[in-house]
N, C-alpha and C. Protein backbone atom coordinates (compact mmCIF):
# COMPACT_ATOMS: atom_id res chain seq x y z
N PRO A 1 -2.95 -18.52 -1.03
CA PRO A 1 -2.71 -19.91 -1.60
C PRO A 1 -3.65 -20.00 -2.93
N ARG A 2 -4.60 -18.55 -2.90
CA ARG A 2 -5.73 -18.75 -4.16
C ARG A 2 -6.44 -17.43 -4.38
N SER A 3 -6.79 -16.56 -5.46
CA SER A 3 -6.62 -15.35 -5.43
C SER A 3 -8.19 -15.32 -4.62
N ALA A 4 -7.70 -13.14 -4.89
CA ALA A 4 -8.56 -13.42 -3.97
C ALA A 4 -8.13 -11.13 -5.06
N ARG A 5 -9.77 -10.39 -3.69
CA ARG A 5 -8.90 -9.02 -4.43
C ARG A 5 -8.32 -8.77 -3.47
N VAL A 6 -7.27 -8.09 -3.83
CA VAL A 6 -5.93 -6.79 -2.58
C VAL A 6 -6.13 -6.10 -3.14
N LEU A 7 -6.01 -4.99 -1.56
CA LEU A 7 -6.31 -3.95 -1.28
C LEU A 7 -5.17 -3.75 -0.76
N LEU A 8 -3.45 -2.91 -1.34
CA LEU A 8 -3.59 -2.14 -0.81
C LEU A 8 -2.47 -0.94 -1.37
N THR A 9 -3.13 -0.09 -0.11
CA THR A 9 -3.09 1.50 0.43
C THR A 9 -1.62 1.54 0.61
N VAL A 10 -1.91 3.59 1.08
CA VAL A 10 0.04 3.70 1.92
C VAL A 10 -0.84 5.08 2.61
N HIS A 11 -0.15 4.89 3.96
CA HIS A 11 -1.20 5.77 5.14
C HIS A 11 -0.46 6.41 5.71
N ASP A 12 -0.58 8.10 6.43
CA ASP A 12 0.22 8.75 6.51
C ASP A 12 0.49 8.23 8.35
N VAL A 13 1.03 9.14 9.56
CA VAL A 13 0.92 8.57 10.81
C VAL A 13 -0.55 9.05 11.14
N THR A 14 -1.49 9.40 9.87
CA THR A 14 -2.97 9.96 10.83
C THR A 14 -3.85 9.36 10.45
N GLY A 15 -3.37 7.94 9.62
CA GLY A 15 -4.14 7.33 9.25
C GLY A 15 -5.26 7.19 8.73
N ALA A 16 -4.51 8.51 8.07
CA ALA A 16 -4.97 9.02 6.02
C ALA A 16 -4.84 8.16 4.96
N THR A 17 -5.58 8.13 3.90
CA THR A 17 -4.87 6.83 2.41
C THR A 17 -3.89 7.51 1.58
N ILE A 18 -2.92 8.35 1.55
CA ILE A 18 -2.02 9.03 0.33
C ILE A 18 -2.21 8.57 -0.70
N ALA A 19 -2.08 6.80 -0.51
CA ALA A 19 -2.26 6.27 -2.23
C ALA A 19 -2.44 4.79 -2.35
N ALA A 20 -3.21 4.62 -3.30
CA ALA A 20 -3.85 3.04 -3.44
C ALA A 20 -2.29 2.23 -5.04
N LEU A 21 -1.64 1.17 -4.12
CA LEU A 21 -1.20 0.93 -5.05
C LEU A 21 -1.96 -0.06 -5.78
N ARG A 22 -2.86 -0.79 -5.39
CA ARG A 22 -3.19 -2.04 -5.69
C ARG A 22 -4.88 -1.80 -5.42
N ASP A 23 -5.53 -2.45 -6.68
CA ASP A 23 -7.55 -2.40 -5.56
C ASP A 23 -7.83 -3.43 -7.13
N GLU A 24 -7.32 -4.29 -6.65
CA GLU A 24 -8.26 -6.06 -8.02
C GLU A 24 -7.57 -6.88 -7.77
N PRO A 25 -8.60 -7.52 -8.39
CA PRO A 25 -8.10 -8.64 -8.42
C PRO A 25 -6.60 -9.92 -8.50
N LEU A 26 -5.96 -10.50 -7.84
CA LEU A 26 -5.39 -11.50 -8.37
C LEU A 26 -4.73 -12.67 -8.50
N PRO A 27 -4.41 -13.71 -9.15
CA PRO A 27 -3.59 -14.77 -9.30
C PRO A 27 -3.52 -14.97 -7.89
N ALA A 28 -3.59 -16.36 -7.20
CA ALA A 28 -2.56 -16.84 -6.26
C ALA A 28 -1.06 -16.94 -6.85
N GLY A 29 -0.69 -16.26 -5.96
CA GLY A 29 1.03 -16.24 -6.03
C GLY A 29 1.59 -15.18 -5.81
N GLU A 30 3.23 -15.41 -5.78
CA GLU A 30 3.59 -13.44 -5.67
C GLU A 30 3.04 -13.15 -6.43
N HIS A 31 3.10 -11.57 -5.89
CA HIS A 31 3.21 -9.89 -6.88
C HIS A 31 3.59 -9.24 -6.30
N PHE A 32 4.83 -8.10 -7.25
CA PHE A 32 5.25 -7.54 -6.20
C PHE A 32 5.10 -5.53 -6.91
N VAL A 33 4.83 -5.07 -5.50
CA VAL A 33 4.77 -3.70 -5.97
C VAL A 33 5.47 -2.56 -5.94
N HIS A 34 5.89 -1.86 -6.50
CA HIS A 34 7.01 -0.28 -6.00
C HIS A 34 5.85 0.70 -5.86
N TRP A 35 6.43 1.16 -4.81
CA TRP A 35 5.72 2.90 -4.95
C TRP A 35 6.90 3.91 -4.48
N ASP A 36 6.35 4.70 -5.92
CA ASP A 36 7.52 6.12 -6.34
C ASP A 36 7.63 7.20 -4.97
N GLY A 37 6.58 6.84 -4.10
CA GLY A 37 6.73 8.07 -2.76
C GLY A 37 5.60 9.61 -3.09
N ARG A 38 4.43 9.39 -4.49
CA ARG A 38 3.34 9.75 -4.07
C ARG A 38 2.14 10.13 -3.74
N ALA A 39 1.72 10.86 -3.18
CA ALA A 39 0.24 10.57 -3.31
C ALA A 39 -0.88 10.53 -4.64
N ARG A 40 -2.08 10.28 -4.32
CA ARG A 40 -2.81 9.90 -5.31
C ARG A 40 -2.85 11.26 -6.26
N ASP A 41 -2.50 12.69 -5.36
CA ASP A 41 -2.80 13.00 -7.09
C ASP A 41 -1.83 13.60 -7.77
N GLY A 42 -0.05 12.47 -7.64
CA GLY A 42 0.20 13.19 -8.30
C GLY A 42 2.32 13.90 -7.60
N ARG A 43 1.84 13.99 -6.54
CA ARG A 43 3.09 15.70 -5.73
C ARG A 43 3.23 14.40 -4.50
N ARG A 44 5.03 14.60 -5.22
CA ARG A 44 5.75 13.70 -3.92
C ARG A 44 5.19 14.30 -2.65
N VAL A 45 5.66 12.87 -1.67
CA VAL A 45 5.12 13.27 -0.08
C VAL A 45 6.63 12.91 0.71
N ARG A 46 6.35 13.71 1.92
CA ARG A 46 7.32 14.25 2.49
C ARG A 46 7.79 13.31 2.96
N ALA A 47 9.05 12.92 3.63
CA ALA A 47 10.31 11.65 4.23
C ALA A 47 9.28 11.44 5.66
N GLY A 48 10.08 10.48 6.27
CA GLY A 48 9.20 10.57 7.23
C GLY A 48 8.18 9.38 7.13
N ARG A 49 7.92 8.55 8.27
CA ARG A 49 6.72 7.21 8.39
C ARG A 49 5.78 7.29 7.43
N TYR A 50 5.75 5.24 7.24
CA TYR A 50 4.04 5.49 6.66
C TYR A 50 3.99 4.17 6.16
N PHE A 51 2.31 3.54 6.34
CA PHE A 51 2.04 2.36 7.14
C PHE A 51 1.40 2.23 5.49
N ILE A 52 2.26 0.87 5.25
CA ILE A 52 1.49 -0.02 4.19
C ILE A 52 0.55 -0.94 4.41
N ARG A 53 0.00 -0.88 4.52
CA ARG A 53 -1.66 -2.16 4.67
C ARG A 53 -2.41 -3.10 4.02
N LEU A 54 -2.67 -3.72 3.37
CA LEU A 54 -3.12 -5.14 3.53
C LEU A 54 -4.02 -5.69 3.08
N ALA A 55 -5.15 -5.86 2.35
CA ALA A 55 -6.46 -6.71 2.69
C ALA A 55 -6.50 -7.29 1.38
N ALA A 56 -6.49 -8.94 1.39
CA ALA A 56 -6.29 -9.85 0.66
C ALA A 56 -7.51 -11.11 0.87
N GLY A 57 -8.86 -10.90 0.40
CA GLY A 57 -9.73 -12.28 1.07
C GLY A 57 -9.86 -11.33 2.39
N ASP A 58 -9.62 -12.94 2.88
CA ASP A 58 -9.66 -12.33 4.94
C ASP A 58 -8.88 -12.21 4.88
N VAL A 59 -7.08 -11.43 5.09
CA VAL A 59 -5.55 -11.13 5.38
C VAL A 59 -5.40 -9.97 5.44
N ARG A 60 -5.60 -9.71 6.86
CA ARG A 60 -4.85 -8.19 6.73
C ARG A 60 -3.62 -8.24 7.62
N GLU A 61 -2.68 -7.23 6.79
CA GLU A 61 -1.15 -7.20 7.56
C GLU A 61 -1.08 -5.31 7.24
N SER A 62 -0.23 -5.10 8.04
CA SER A 62 -0.08 -3.08 7.86
C SER A 62 1.20 -3.72 8.67
N ARG A 63 2.45 -2.66 7.79
CA ARG A 63 3.63 -2.10 7.51
C ARG A 63 4.13 -1.40 7.58
N ALA A 64 4.22 -0.84 8.74
CA ALA A 64 5.34 0.36 9.20
C ALA A 64 7.02 0.28 8.15
N VAL A 65 6.55 2.01 6.94
CA VAL A 65 8.12 1.87 6.30
C VAL A 65 8.67 3.34 6.91
N SER A 66 9.78 3.05 5.93
CA SER A 66 9.70 5.35 6.74
C SER A 66 10.65 5.35 4.69
N LEU A 67 10.01 6.61 4.61
CA LEU A 67 11.14 7.01 3.20
C LEU A 67 12.10 8.19 3.50
N VAL A 68 12.73 8.13 3.33
CA VAL A 68 14.06 8.61 2.40
C VAL A 68 14.17 8.87 2.24
N ARG A 69 14.65 10.62 1.38
CA ARG A 69 14.90 11.27 0.76
C ARG A 69 16.29 12.33 0.89
């Protein structure tokens, strides 16, 4: 419902950060993000279970996703 700094990251099952999808202030509203299955260094990550973490203002959310190749 309000503007906030948004940090959206992808983590492997050990908790290591694989990619940062967003790290910037965003206005209130709906936003869409696409992850191409690549790590920060540009390499394609393996198929498997990953976790998407969102931190926006006082909101903290985490969701499990499966990458299938």
